[in-house]
Amino acid sequence: MTPSALGSVSLGYQLLWNPLRRLRGVQLFVGLDDTAVVDARHLLSAIEALWTAQAPILLLSIQSARLLADILDNAPASSPWIEVHDAYLRDPAMAQKLSQAHRRGLRMIWRGEPGQRPGAALGPCFLRTILSLTAEEALAGLRVSLRKHNGSVAPRPSPVRADQIYESVASRVLAEHCLDEQGAWAVAGWPVDEVLHGYRQKRIQPGRRALVQLIAAIDADDSLDHLEQSLSDEPILAYCFVRYINSAGLCLRTEIESIRHGLMVLGVSEVRAWLQEQLPHANSDLNLQPVRTAIALRARLTGNLLDAGQGDNLRREISLCGLLSQIDLLLGEPLHEALARLQLPTRITSALLNHSGPYVPYLDIAAALESPDTQATRALCAAHEMDLENVNRTLLRTLAQARQPSAKGLLLV
């Protein structure tokens, strides 16, 4: 049987953040085995069939010159945005294909090495650029930001350009400079380690916005499904909720297998009262929102990787496992200490603490997908005997459901 287009590629992703620290788009890395032959039109059709108009912008980053050339030749103007790395443009044939694709109306994004900018001849073919700052440019941007905060009348111009995408931004201050001061279109990835390092002397509290929205949802008599999803989207709040359910004062003496189980055990009125108690200590730092969103997205992806027909309860338990897999980052303490406060099924603790048991394949693959190293995902699928096409379809469906109010359109890298 001839492999399908989605069964012949391996995928990875990176999230793009707007100035509100909401999801602006998804950068989808597309890797291709050297021996595989994939038809560009079939691949684009398969991807777009799993996307929706309400999904975030999708940017495809093609890691094969052969496949990129096929896309530039055949992709219609309505296709997602396509990244073209400057290294490919050294080939005159590829540069010609780019010009022809531009005349057809294909939306393309230029990307190059740190400090590099698109050439004058082909620059007008690109909708915008993905830029990476050199160490000197990053330092210059930080100095401009410092002068602005110090009230300098005439700060030096920043190397950061408006309406562009910046990647490999390792500093919280530099991310703020790009998005808040210079009007960057998005930051690709997020300086998670540096942002969390700022909380090393204090505990991160649940987000105020999530708390207010949950209380409003309860008052509006929203469905249990919506409450479950909203609570799961705030990892610290979800952790605190499971810990509260397990507290000695409630005397429940039962394992909480999922967030939904906890909601059903406690009851909506008690949940509302507990949420109200969290409000005085809530956190309003926008820079934590990308961290929360990425962790919640991994949790959904981990659960969605379970084969269809395995049951919603099992899927919810695996999602909780995915949610707790990075909770140590937010709590600033070893994972075994964080989990010791919870009464969890052995399947979850075995996977997280001993890397053993039935949930390990789902955790491994969900984590591997958060990377441009698409071959690692292919290898893990083979090692865990998971179908690559199903994994790719699950990833696309999960990303397409990561809706934000400000997200429009489709972007492929």
Protein backbone atom coordinates (compact mmCIF):
# COMPACT_ATOMS: atom_id res chain seq x y z
CA MET A 1 0.00 0.00 0.00
CA THR A 2 1.34 3.45 -0.90
CA PRO A 3 1.81 5.60 2.24
CA SER A 4 -0.48 8.63 2.54
CA ALA A 5 0.95 12.14 2.49
CA LEU A 6 0.57 12.51 6.28
CA GLY A 7 2.02 9.05 6.83
CA SER A 8 5.16 9.95 4.91
CA VAL A 9 6.17 13.07 6.83
CA SER A 10 7.13 13.68 10.45
CA LEU A 11 6.01 16.81 12.24
CA GLY A 12 6.96 19.13 15.08
CA TYR A 13 5.70 22.49 16.23
CA GLN A 14 6.55 25.79 17.89
CA LEU A 15 4.04 28.37 19.14
CA LEU A 16 3.97 32.03 18.04
CA TRP A 17 2.96 34.64 20.66
CA ASN A 18 1.39 38.05 20.08
CA PRO A 19 1.78 41.19 22.27
CA LEU A 20 -1.10 40.02 24.51
CA ARG A 21 0.88 36.79 25.09
CA ARG A 22 -1.87 34.89 23.33
CA LEU A 23 -1.38 32.31 20.63
CA ARG A 24 -1.00 34.13 17.32
CA GLY A 25 0.01 31.14 15.24
CA VAL A 26 1.69 27.75 15.05
CA GLN A 27 4.95 27.02 13.30
CA LEU A 28 4.67 23.49 11.94
CA PHE A 29 7.93 21.76 11.05
CA VAL A 30 7.58 19.20 8.27
CA GLY A 31 10.34 16.60 7.94
CA LEU A 32 10.68 14.12 5.12
CA ASP A 33 12.54 10.83 4.99
CA ASP A 34 15.19 10.81 2.24
CA THR A 35 13.50 7.88 0.51
CA ALA A 36 9.93 9.23 0.70
CA VAL A 37 8.11 10.91 -2.17
CA VAL A 38 5.27 13.22 -1.15
CA ASP A 39 2.96 15.09 -3.47
CA ALA A 40 2.73 18.71 -2.32
CA ARG A 41 -0.92 19.16 -3.26
CA HIS A 42 -1.95 16.00 -1.40
CA LEU A 43 -0.01 17.07 1.69
CA LEU A 44 -1.51 20.57 1.73
CA SER A 45 -5.00 19.16 1.23
CA ALA A 46 -4.53 16.70 4.09
CA ILE A 47 -3.35 19.45 6.43
CA GLU A 48 -6.06 21.93 5.50
CA ALA A 49 -8.75 19.26 5.89
CA LEU A 50 -7.81 19.05 9.58
CA TRP A 51 -7.61 22.81 10.08
CA THR A 52 -10.52 25.22 10.64
CA ALA A 53 -11.22 28.89 10.07
CA GLN A 54 -11.21 29.41 13.85
CA ALA A 55 -7.79 27.77 14.32
CA PRO A 56 -4.59 29.75 14.94
CA ILE A 57 -2.54 30.91 11.98
CA LEU A 58 -0.39 28.04 10.69
CA LEU A 59 3.15 28.46 9.38
CA LEU A 60 4.79 25.48 7.58
CA SER A 61 8.54 25.07 7.86
CA ILE A 62 9.51 22.54 5.20
CA GLN A 63 12.72 20.66 6.00
CA SER A 64 13.17 19.18 2.52
CA ALA A 65 14.36 21.17 -0.51
CA ARG A 66 12.58 18.72 -2.82
CA LEU A 67 9.23 19.08 -1.06
CA LEU A 68 9.61 22.87 -0.77
CA ALA A 69 10.25 23.13 -4.50
CA ASP A 70 7.13 21.07 -5.20
CA ILE A 71 5.07 23.33 -2.92
CA LEU A 72 6.39 26.50 -4.57
CA ASP A 73 5.47 25.03 -7.96
CA ASN A 74 1.99 23.79 -7.11
CA ALA A 75 0.55 25.37 -3.96
CA PRO A 76 -2.48 27.60 -4.68
CA ALA A 77 -2.64 31.16 -3.35
CA SER A 78 -5.11 30.06 -0.67
CA SER A 79 -2.50 27.76 0.89
CA PRO A 80 -1.04 28.42 4.33
CA TRP A 81 2.00 30.64 4.66
CA ILE A 82 5.21 28.92 3.58
CA GLU A 83 8.61 29.55 5.14
CA VAL A 84 11.56 29.75 2.74
CA HIS A 85 15.03 29.69 4.28
CA ASP A 86 17.60 31.96 2.68
CA ALA A 87 19.97 29.01 2.21
CA TYR A 88 17.59 27.52 -0.38
CA LEU A 89 17.65 30.74 -2.40
CA ARG A 90 21.30 30.24 -3.30
CA ASP A 91 19.96 27.83 -5.90
CA PRO A 92 18.84 29.96 -8.90
CA ALA A 93 16.13 27.41 -9.74
CA MET A 94 14.62 27.75 -6.24
CA ALA A 95 14.78 31.54 -6.46
CA GLN A 96 12.90 31.39 -9.76
CA LYS A 97 10.24 29.12 -8.23
CA LEU A 98 9.87 31.62 -5.39
CA SER A 99 9.28 34.49 -7.81
CA GLN A 100 6.69 32.48 -9.72
CA ALA A 101 4.93 31.49 -6.48
CA HIS A 102 4.83 35.14 -5.46
CA ARG A 103 3.18 36.10 -8.74
CA ARG A 104 0.53 33.42 -8.08
CA GLY A 105 -0.20 35.07 -4.72
CA LEU A 106 1.35 32.44 -2.43
CA ARG A 107 2.10 33.94 1.00
CA MET A 108 5.70 33.29 1.98
CA ILE A 109 7.88 34.04 5.00
CA TRP A 110 11.63 34.59 4.74
CA ARG A 111 13.97 33.08 7.32
CA GLY A 112 17.75 33.27 7.62
CA GLU A 113 20.69 33.05 9.99
CA PRO A 114 21.14 35.42 12.98
CA GLY A 115 21.76 38.96 11.77
CA GLN A 116 20.80 38.10 8.19
CA ARG A 117 18.11 39.98 6.24
CA PRO A 118 16.45 39.17 2.89
CA GLY A 119 18.16 40.45 -0.24
CA ALA A 120 16.75 43.43 -2.10
CA ALA A 121 15.88 41.43 -5.21
CA LEU A 122 13.66 38.82 -3.54
CA GLY A 123 12.66 40.75 -0.41
CA PRO A 124 9.36 42.03 -1.93
CA CYS A 125 8.24 38.40 -2.46
CA PHE A 126 7.80 37.86 1.28
CA LEU A 127 4.86 38.77 3.48
CA ARG A 128 7.15 39.14 6.49
CA THR A 129 10.34 37.67 7.93
CA ILE A 130 11.45 35.39 10.77
CA LEU A 131 14.47 37.10 12.27
CA SER A 132 17.03 35.97 14.80
CA LEU A 133 19.18 38.59 16.50
CA THR A 134 22.94 38.29 16.88
CA ALA A 135 24.39 38.67 20.38
CA GLU A 136 25.35 42.25 19.51
CA GLU A 137 21.86 43.07 18.20
CA ALA A 138 20.21 41.55 21.26
CA LEU A 139 22.46 43.65 23.53
CA ALA A 140 21.63 46.77 21.50
CA GLY A 141 17.90 46.05 21.86
CA LEU A 142 18.26 45.61 25.63
CA ARG A 143 20.13 48.92 25.87
CA VAL A 144 17.40 50.71 23.91
CA SER A 145 14.78 49.22 26.22
CA LEU A 146 16.74 50.31 29.30
CA ARG A 147 17.07 53.87 27.99
CA LYS A 148 13.33 54.03 27.34
CA HIS A 149 12.56 52.88 30.86
CA ASN A 150 15.03 55.42 32.23
CA GLY A 151 13.28 58.22 30.34
CA SER A 152 15.93 58.91 27.72
CA VAL A 153 14.71 61.63 25.35
CA ALA A 154 16.40 60.28 22.23
CA PRO A 155 17.21 56.58 22.56
CA ARG A 156 19.23 54.93 19.82
CA PRO A 157 17.24 53.07 17.18
CA SER A 158 16.50 49.44 17.99
CA PRO A 159 17.57 46.59 15.69
CA VAL A 160 14.12 45.07 16.25
CA ARG A 161 11.76 45.80 13.35
CA ALA A 162 8.00 46.16 13.60
CA ASP A 163 5.59 43.57 12.15
CA GLN A 164 8.20 40.80 11.95
CA ILE A 165 8.57 37.45 13.74
CA TYR A 166 11.49 37.01 16.15
CA GLU A 167 12.85 33.63 17.17
CA SER A 168 15.44 32.42 19.70
CA VAL A 169 14.56 35.26 22.09
CA ALA A 170 16.20 34.07 25.30
CA SER A 171 15.41 37.04 27.55
CA ARG A 172 12.11 38.15 29.07
CA VAL A 173 13.17 41.81 28.73
CA LEU A 174 14.06 41.29 25.07
CA ALA A 175 10.72 39.57 24.41
CA GLU A 176 8.97 42.55 26.01
CA HIS A 177 11.07 44.90 23.87
CA CYS A 178 10.11 43.05 20.69
CA LEU A 179 6.38 42.81 21.40
CA ASP A 180 5.57 45.78 23.63
CA GLU A 181 7.99 48.47 22.46
CA GLN A 182 8.83 47.65 18.83
CA GLY A 183 5.57 46.16 17.57
CA ALA A 184 6.89 42.75 16.49
CA TRP A 185 4.20 40.62 14.87
CA ALA A 186 5.09 37.63 17.07
CA VAL A 187 7.79 35.91 19.09
CA ALA A 188 8.40 32.29 18.08
CA GLY A 189 8.86 30.18 21.16
CA TRP A 190 9.14 31.76 24.60
CA PRO A 191 12.00 32.42 27.08
CA VAL A 192 10.49 29.96 29.57
CA ASP A 193 13.61 29.36 31.68
CA GLU A 194 14.35 33.07 32.08
CA VAL A 195 10.74 33.95 32.93
CA LEU A 196 10.52 31.18 35.53
CA HIS A 197 13.93 32.12 36.95
CA GLY A 198 12.36 35.42 37.99
CA TYR A 199 10.07 33.45 40.32
CA ARG A 200 12.80 31.46 42.01
CA GLN A 201 12.24 33.29 45.32
CA LYS A 202 8.44 33.11 45.30
CA ARG A 203 5.73 30.65 44.35
CA ILE A 204 3.76 31.20 41.17
CA GLN A 205 0.07 31.61 41.90
CA PRO A 206 -2.87 30.74 39.60
CA GLY A 207 -3.68 33.32 36.94
CA ARG A 208 -6.28 35.93 37.87
CA ARG A 209 -7.89 35.87 34.44
CA ALA A 210 -8.49 32.11 34.59
CA LEU A 211 -10.01 32.39 38.07
CA VAL A 212 -12.37 35.20 37.10
CA GLN A 213 -13.46 33.38 33.93
CA LEU A 214 -14.11 30.14 35.81
CA ILE A 215 -16.23 31.87 38.45
CA ALA A 216 -18.18 33.62 35.68
CA ALA A 217 -18.65 30.29 33.89
CA ILE A 218 -20.07 28.70 37.04
CA ASP A 219 -22.41 31.66 37.55
CA ALA A 220 -23.56 31.27 33.94
CA ASP A 221 -24.31 27.58 34.57
CA ASP A 222 -21.82 26.49 31.90
CA SER A 223 -21.41 22.80 31.12
CA LEU A 224 -19.14 20.50 33.08
CA ASP A 225 -17.11 20.00 29.89
CA HIS A 226 -16.38 23.73 29.68
CA LEU A 227 -15.46 23.98 33.36
CA GLU A 228 -13.16 20.98 33.02
CA GLN A 229 -11.41 22.48 29.98
CA SER A 230 -11.04 25.93 31.57
CA LEU A 231 -9.58 24.49 34.76
CA SER A 232 -7.19 22.27 32.79
CA ASP A 233 -5.96 25.30 30.83
CA GLU A 234 -4.48 26.79 34.04
CA PRO A 235 -1.88 24.19 35.21
CA ILE A 236 -1.14 25.70 38.64
CA LEU A 237 -4.84 26.04 39.38
CA ALA A 238 -5.43 22.45 38.24
CA TYR A 239 -2.61 21.23 40.49
CA CYS A 240 -3.95 23.19 43.47
CA PHE A 241 -7.43 21.84 42.78
CA VAL A 242 -6.29 18.20 42.76
CA ARG A 243 -4.25 18.86 45.90
CA TYR A 244 -7.30 20.41 47.58
CA ILE A 245 -9.45 17.43 46.62
CA ASN A 246 -6.83 15.20 48.24
CA SER A 247 -6.59 17.30 51.41
CA ALA A 248 -7.23 15.64 54.75
CA GLY A 249 -10.00 18.11 55.54
CA LEU A 250 -12.24 16.75 52.81
CA CYS A 251 -11.75 13.12 53.89
CA LEU A 252 -12.62 11.80 50.43
CA ARG A 253 -10.23 8.83 50.54
CA THR A 254 -10.31 8.29 46.78
CA GLU A 255 -7.91 8.61 43.90
CA ILE A 256 -8.69 11.57 41.64
CA GLU A 257 -8.23 10.19 38.15
CA SER A 258 -8.93 13.43 36.28
CA ILE A 259 -9.96 17.07 36.66
CA ARG A 260 -13.53 16.11 35.73
CA HIS A 261 -13.60 13.46 38.44
CA GLY A 262 -12.58 16.11 40.96
CA LEU A 263 -15.30 18.50 39.81
CA MET A 264 -17.93 15.78 40.12
CA VAL A 265 -16.71 14.69 43.56
CA LEU A 266 -16.59 18.23 45.01
CA GLY A 267 -19.63 19.79 43.34
CA VAL A 268 -19.97 23.10 41.52
CA SER A 269 -20.93 25.27 44.52
CA GLU A 270 -17.94 24.06 46.53
CA VAL A 271 -15.67 24.62 43.53
CA ARG A 272 -16.88 28.21 43.24
CA ALA A 273 -16.21 28.88 46.92
CA TRP A 274 -12.72 27.43 46.58
CA LEU A 275 -12.00 29.56 43.48
CA GLN A 276 -13.06 32.69 45.38
CA GLU A 277 -10.51 31.85 48.06
CA GLN A 278 -7.73 31.80 45.45
CA LEU A 279 -8.49 35.27 44.03
CA PRO A 280 -6.63 37.44 46.61
CA HIS A 281 -3.36 35.68 45.77
CA ALA A 282 -3.83 35.44 42.00
CA ASN A 283 -1.06 36.27 39.51
CA SER A 284 -1.49 38.79 36.67
CA ASP A 285 1.91 38.45 34.96
CA LEU A 286 1.23 38.19 31.21
CA ASN A 287 4.65 36.64 30.62
CA LEU A 288 3.49 33.49 32.39
CA GLN A 289 0.60 32.98 29.98
CA PRO A 290 2.68 31.35 27.19
CA VAL A 291 4.14 28.95 29.77
CA ARG A 292 0.68 27.95 31.00
CA THR A 293 -0.73 27.62 27.49
CA ALA A 294 2.14 25.41 26.29
CA ILE A 295 1.80 23.07 29.28
CA ALA A 296 -1.97 22.81 28.84
CA LEU A 297 -1.52 22.12 25.13
CA ARG A 298 0.88 19.25 25.89
CA ALA A 299 -1.69 17.82 28.28
CA ARG A 300 -4.43 17.86 25.63
CA LEU A 301 -2.09 16.37 23.05
CA THR A 302 -1.00 13.60 25.43
CA GLY A 303 -4.61 12.57 26.00
CA ASN A 304 -5.60 12.90 22.36
CA LEU A 305 -2.82 10.50 21.32
CA LEU A 306 -4.76 7.67 22.93
CA ASP A 307 -6.45 5.48 20.33
CA ALA A 308 -10.05 6.31 19.62
CA GLY A 309 -12.46 4.04 21.42
CA GLN A 310 -10.32 3.66 24.54
CA GLY A 311 -12.78 5.65 26.64
CA ASP A 312 -13.07 9.24 27.84
CA ASN A 313 -12.13 8.46 31.45
CA LEU A 314 -8.83 6.91 30.40
CA ARG A 315 -8.14 9.85 28.07
CA ARG A 316 -8.76 12.31 30.90
CA GLU A 317 -6.39 10.41 33.16
CA ILE A 318 -3.64 10.50 30.53
CA SER A 319 -4.28 14.23 30.01
CA LEU A 320 -3.81 14.80 33.74
CA CYS A 321 -0.55 12.86 33.47
CA GLY A 322 0.56 15.22 30.69
CA LEU A 323 -0.49 18.27 32.69
CA LEU A 324 1.54 17.19 35.71
CA SER A 325 4.61 16.26 33.65
CA GLN A 326 5.90 19.85 33.79
CA ILE A 327 4.32 21.08 37.01
CA ASP A 328 7.74 21.10 38.69
CA LEU A 329 8.74 24.00 36.42
CA LEU A 330 5.91 26.17 37.73
CA LEU A 331 6.26 25.07 41.34
CA GLY A 332 10.04 25.44 41.40
CA GLU A 333 10.58 22.14 43.19
CA PRO A 334 11.43 18.51 42.29
CA LEU A 335 8.61 16.62 40.61
CA HIS A 336 8.57 13.82 43.19
CA GLU A 337 7.94 16.37 45.95
CA ALA A 338 5.12 18.01 44.01
CA LEU A 339 3.42 14.68 43.28
CA ALA A 340 3.81 13.43 46.86
CA ARG A 341 1.04 15.84 47.90
CA LEU A 342 -1.43 14.25 45.50
CA GLN A 343 -3.28 10.95 45.67
CA LEU A 344 -2.83 9.80 42.09
CA PRO A 345 -3.27 6.52 40.21
CA THR A 346 -0.08 4.45 40.09
CA ARG A 347 -0.14 4.65 36.29
CA ILE A 348 0.47 8.40 36.50
CA THR A 349 3.20 8.36 39.14
CA SER A 350 5.00 5.46 37.44
CA ALA A 351 5.10 7.33 34.13
CA LEU A 352 6.23 10.64 35.64
CA LEU A 353 8.70 9.43 38.26
CA ASN A 354 9.99 6.12 36.88
CA HIS A 355 9.39 6.52 33.14
CA SER A 356 7.53 3.22 33.17
CA GLY A 357 4.06 1.94 32.53
CA PRO A 358 1.46 2.33 29.77
CA TYR A 359 1.47 6.15 29.63
CA VAL A 360 5.14 6.60 28.75
CA PRO A 361 4.72 6.40 24.94
CA TYR A 362 2.15 9.20 24.96
CA LEU A 363 4.29 11.43 27.16
CA ASP A 364 7.43 10.79 25.10
CA ILE A 365 5.79 11.56 21.77
CA ALA A 366 3.90 14.63 23.02
CA ALA A 367 7.18 16.08 24.32
CA ALA A 368 9.10 15.21 21.15
CA LEU A 369 6.54 16.99 18.98
CA GLU A 370 7.47 20.30 20.67
CA SER A 371 10.64 20.49 18.59
CA PRO A 372 11.93 21.00 15.03
CA ASP A 373 13.71 17.62 15.37
CA THR A 374 11.04 15.75 13.43
CA GLN A 375 13.19 12.66 13.00
CA ALA A 376 13.13 12.13 16.77
CA THR A 377 9.34 11.86 16.60
CA ARG A 378 9.61 9.36 13.75
CA ALA A 379 12.03 7.24 15.79
CA LEU A 380 9.82 7.34 18.89
CA CYS A 381 6.76 6.30 16.91
CA ALA A 382 8.69 3.31 15.63
CA ALA A 383 10.05 2.45 19.09
CA HIS A 384 6.61 2.65 20.73
CA GLU A 385 4.83 1.04 17.75
CA MET A 386 2.55 4.04 17.25
CA ASP A 387 1.30 4.84 13.76
CA LEU A 388 3.03 7.98 12.44
CA GLU A 389 0.03 9.10 10.39
CA ASN A 390 -2.29 8.88 13.39
CA VAL A 391 0.18 10.87 15.49
CA ASN A 392 0.37 13.56 12.79
CA ARG A 393 -3.40 13.74 12.48
CA THR A 394 -3.77 13.98 16.25
CA LEU A 395 -1.22 16.78 16.41
CA LEU A 396 -2.98 18.78 13.70
CA ARG A 397 -6.42 18.33 15.29
CA THR A 398 -5.09 19.36 18.70
CA LEU A 399 -3.30 22.44 17.36
CA ALA A 400 -6.35 23.44 15.31
CA GLN A 401 -8.42 23.42 18.51
CA ALA A 402 -5.98 25.72 20.33
CA ARG A 403 -8.23 28.68 19.55
CA GLN A 404 -7.60 32.24 20.66
CA PRO A 405 -9.95 35.18 20.08
CA SER A 406 -7.32 37.07 18.09
CA ALA A 407 -6.20 34.15 15.89
CA LYS A 408 -7.26 34.20 12.26
CA GLY A 409 -6.27 32.39 9.13
CA LEU A 410 -3.68 29.71 8.40
CA LEU A 411 0.17 29.91 8.59
CA LEU A 412 2.58 27.12 7.49
CA VAL A 413 6.34 27.11 7.99
